[in-house]
Every structure is written in structure tokens, then in C-alpha cells.
Amino acid sequence: MISKFFSKLKSILFKSAVTPETPLKKEKKAAKSAKTKTKTETKTKTKTKAVNSKINIETLTTLPGVGAKSAKALYEAGFKTTKAVIAADEKDLLAVSGVGINLVKKLKKLK
């Protein structure tokens, strides 16, 4: 019976001591929500980059002789726009896997 009394007394005493810590809990929750927003923003940025890369690859396929595979290879090699592909040197284009001499000749006719 005395132990129950002491345990109740402890809980009452420690509840009053816990009360000043509640603002800290609110700060922790705010920090967690800020981290969650950051993760959400990161996911959004990643999705945006994926969408932009798909759009750029599709744009590269508008060049004559450039298909889906060669457009992806050109994009991964650093040629993000059609202007970049057209302005590139022949040696740089030939260094890309999937791009042959015939494709380079077609692209150089566009200049």
C-alpha cells in the first residue's frame, strides 16, 4: 500500500517536472516535420529531373537518324539539347556508343 502511494506521488511529482519539457517535444515535432518536408521536396526534385530527362531525350529523337537508343546515349554523354548535338565536334559524337559515322554525317548536314 505504501509502494502504491509512493508510485502515485512519483507520477504526480514527475508530471510537474515533465511539463516544462513539452515545448521541447513541440520543437522536436517541428524539426521532424521540417525533415519530412525536405524528403518530400527531394522526391519532387528527383521526379522533376526524371521527367526533364525524358523530355530532353524525346527532343533529341527529332534529329534525323537519331532513335531512342542513340538519343539516350547522347543525353547520358552530356548532349542535353539538339543545339548541343549539332554544334558538337565529330570526334566527340563518335566517342558516344551507339553513334556511328553515318549519323554524324547526317547531323553535320544540319549545320
Protein backbone atom coordinates (compact mmCIF):
# COMPACT_ATOMS: atom_id res chain seq x y z
CA MET A 1 0.00 0.00 0.00
CA ILE A 2 2.82 2.35 0.77
CA SER A 3 4.50 1.45 -2.51
CA LYS A 4 1.34 2.42 -4.39
CA PHE A 5 1.30 5.71 -2.54
CA PHE A 6 4.94 6.39 -3.45
CA SER A 7 4.41 5.45 -7.07
CA LYS A 8 1.42 7.82 -7.30
CA LEU A 9 3.41 10.52 -5.59
CA LYS A 10 6.29 9.98 -8.02
CA SER A 11 3.99 10.21 -11.01
CA ILE A 12 2.46 13.43 -9.69
CA LEU A 13 5.85 14.96 -8.95
CA PHE A 14 7.38 13.93 -12.24
CA LYS A 15 4.36 15.12 -14.21
CA SER A 16 5.01 18.63 -12.98
CA ALA A 17 8.68 18.22 -13.89
CA VAL A 18 7.74 16.96 -17.35
CA THR A 19 5.57 19.97 -18.11
CA PRO A 20 8.49 22.32 -18.88
CA GLU A 21 9.80 19.73 -21.36
CA THR A 22 6.71 19.83 -23.52
CA PRO A 23 8.00 22.82 -25.53
CA LEU A 24 11.00 20.65 -26.38
CA LYS A 25 8.68 17.97 -27.66
CA LYS A 26 6.99 20.56 -29.85
CA GLU A 27 10.39 21.63 -31.17
CA LYS A 28 11.27 18.02 -31.94
CA LYS A 29 7.98 17.58 -33.81
CA ALA A 30 8.65 20.77 -35.75
CA ALA A 31 12.13 19.53 -36.63
CA LYS A 32 10.70 16.20 -37.76
CA SER A 33 8.11 17.92 -39.94
CA ALA A 34 10.87 20.07 -41.44
CA LYS A 35 12.84 16.92 -42.24
CA THR A 36 9.74 15.36 -43.76
CA LYS A 37 9.25 18.39 -45.97
CA THR A 38 12.85 18.14 -47.09
CA LYS A 39 12.39 14.49 -48.02
CA THR A 40 9.23 15.35 -49.92
CA GLU A 41 10.98 18.17 -51.74
CA THR A 42 13.83 15.82 -52.64
CA LYS A 43 11.39 13.30 -54.06
CA THR A 44 9.73 16.04 -56.09
CA LYS A 45 13.08 17.24 -57.43
CA THR A 46 14.03 13.71 -58.38
CA LYS A 47 10.74 13.22 -60.20
CA THR A 48 11.19 16.55 -61.97
CA LYS A 49 14.68 15.59 -63.10
CA ALA A 50 13.40 12.26 -64.40
CA VAL A 51 10.61 13.99 -66.32
CA ASN A 52 13.02 16.60 -67.71
CA SER A 53 15.45 13.93 -68.86
CA LYS A 54 12.67 12.05 -70.64
CA ILE A 55 11.55 15.23 -72.35
CA ASN A 56 15.12 16.04 -73.42
CA ILE A 57 15.65 12.53 -74.75
CA GLU A 58 12.40 12.75 -76.72
CA THR A 59 13.55 16.10 -78.10
CA LEU A 60 16.81 14.55 -79.28
CA THR A 61 14.84 11.96 -81.27
CA THR A 62 13.58 14.78 -83.51
CA LEU A 63 17.03 14.92 -85.10
CA PRO A 64 17.28 12.94 -88.34
CA GLY A 65 18.71 9.47 -87.81
CA VAL A 66 18.53 9.65 -84.02
CA GLY A 67 16.41 6.95 -82.43
CA ALA A 68 15.54 6.28 -78.82
CA LYS A 69 18.74 4.38 -78.01
CA SER A 70 21.11 6.86 -79.61
CA ALA A 71 19.18 9.78 -78.06
CA LYS A 72 19.59 8.23 -74.62
CA ALA A 73 23.30 7.63 -75.28
CA LEU A 74 23.77 11.23 -76.43
CA TYR A 75 21.91 12.54 -73.38
CA GLU A 76 24.00 10.45 -71.00
CA ALA A 77 27.16 11.64 -72.76
CA GLY A 78 26.27 15.24 -71.92
CA PHE A 79 24.50 16.42 -75.06
CA LYS A 80 21.26 17.66 -73.46
CA THR A 81 19.83 19.71 -76.34
CA THR A 82 19.60 19.42 -80.10
CA LYS A 83 21.74 22.55 -80.45
CA ALA A 84 24.48 20.91 -78.39
CA VAL A 85 24.43 17.84 -80.63
CA ILE A 86 24.54 19.89 -83.82
CA ALA A 87 27.35 22.12 -82.51
CA ALA A 88 29.47 19.21 -81.24
CA ASP A 89 32.68 18.09 -82.95
CA GLU A 90 32.62 14.89 -84.97
CA LYS A 91 35.16 13.26 -82.66
CA ASP A 92 33.03 13.97 -79.62
CA LEU A 93 29.95 12.47 -81.26
CA LEU A 94 31.82 9.40 -82.44
CA ALA A 95 33.03 8.82 -78.88
CA VAL A 96 29.42 8.16 -77.84
CA SER A 97 28.48 4.50 -78.01
CA GLY A 98 25.65 3.91 -80.46
CA VAL A 99 26.61 6.83 -82.68
CA GLY A 100 28.21 5.94 -85.99
CA ILE A 101 29.80 7.82 -88.83
CA ASN A 102 26.59 7.88 -90.88
CA LEU A 103 24.67 9.54 -88.07
CA VAL A 104 27.43 12.10 -87.63
CA LYS A 105 27.29 12.91 -91.36
CA LYS A 106 23.51 13.43 -91.14
CA LEU A 107 23.91 15.70 -88.14
CA LYS A 108 26.67 17.75 -89.78
CA LYS A 109 24.38 18.43 -92.77
CA LEU A 110 22.12 20.31 -90.37
CA LYS A 111 24.76 22.98 -89.66
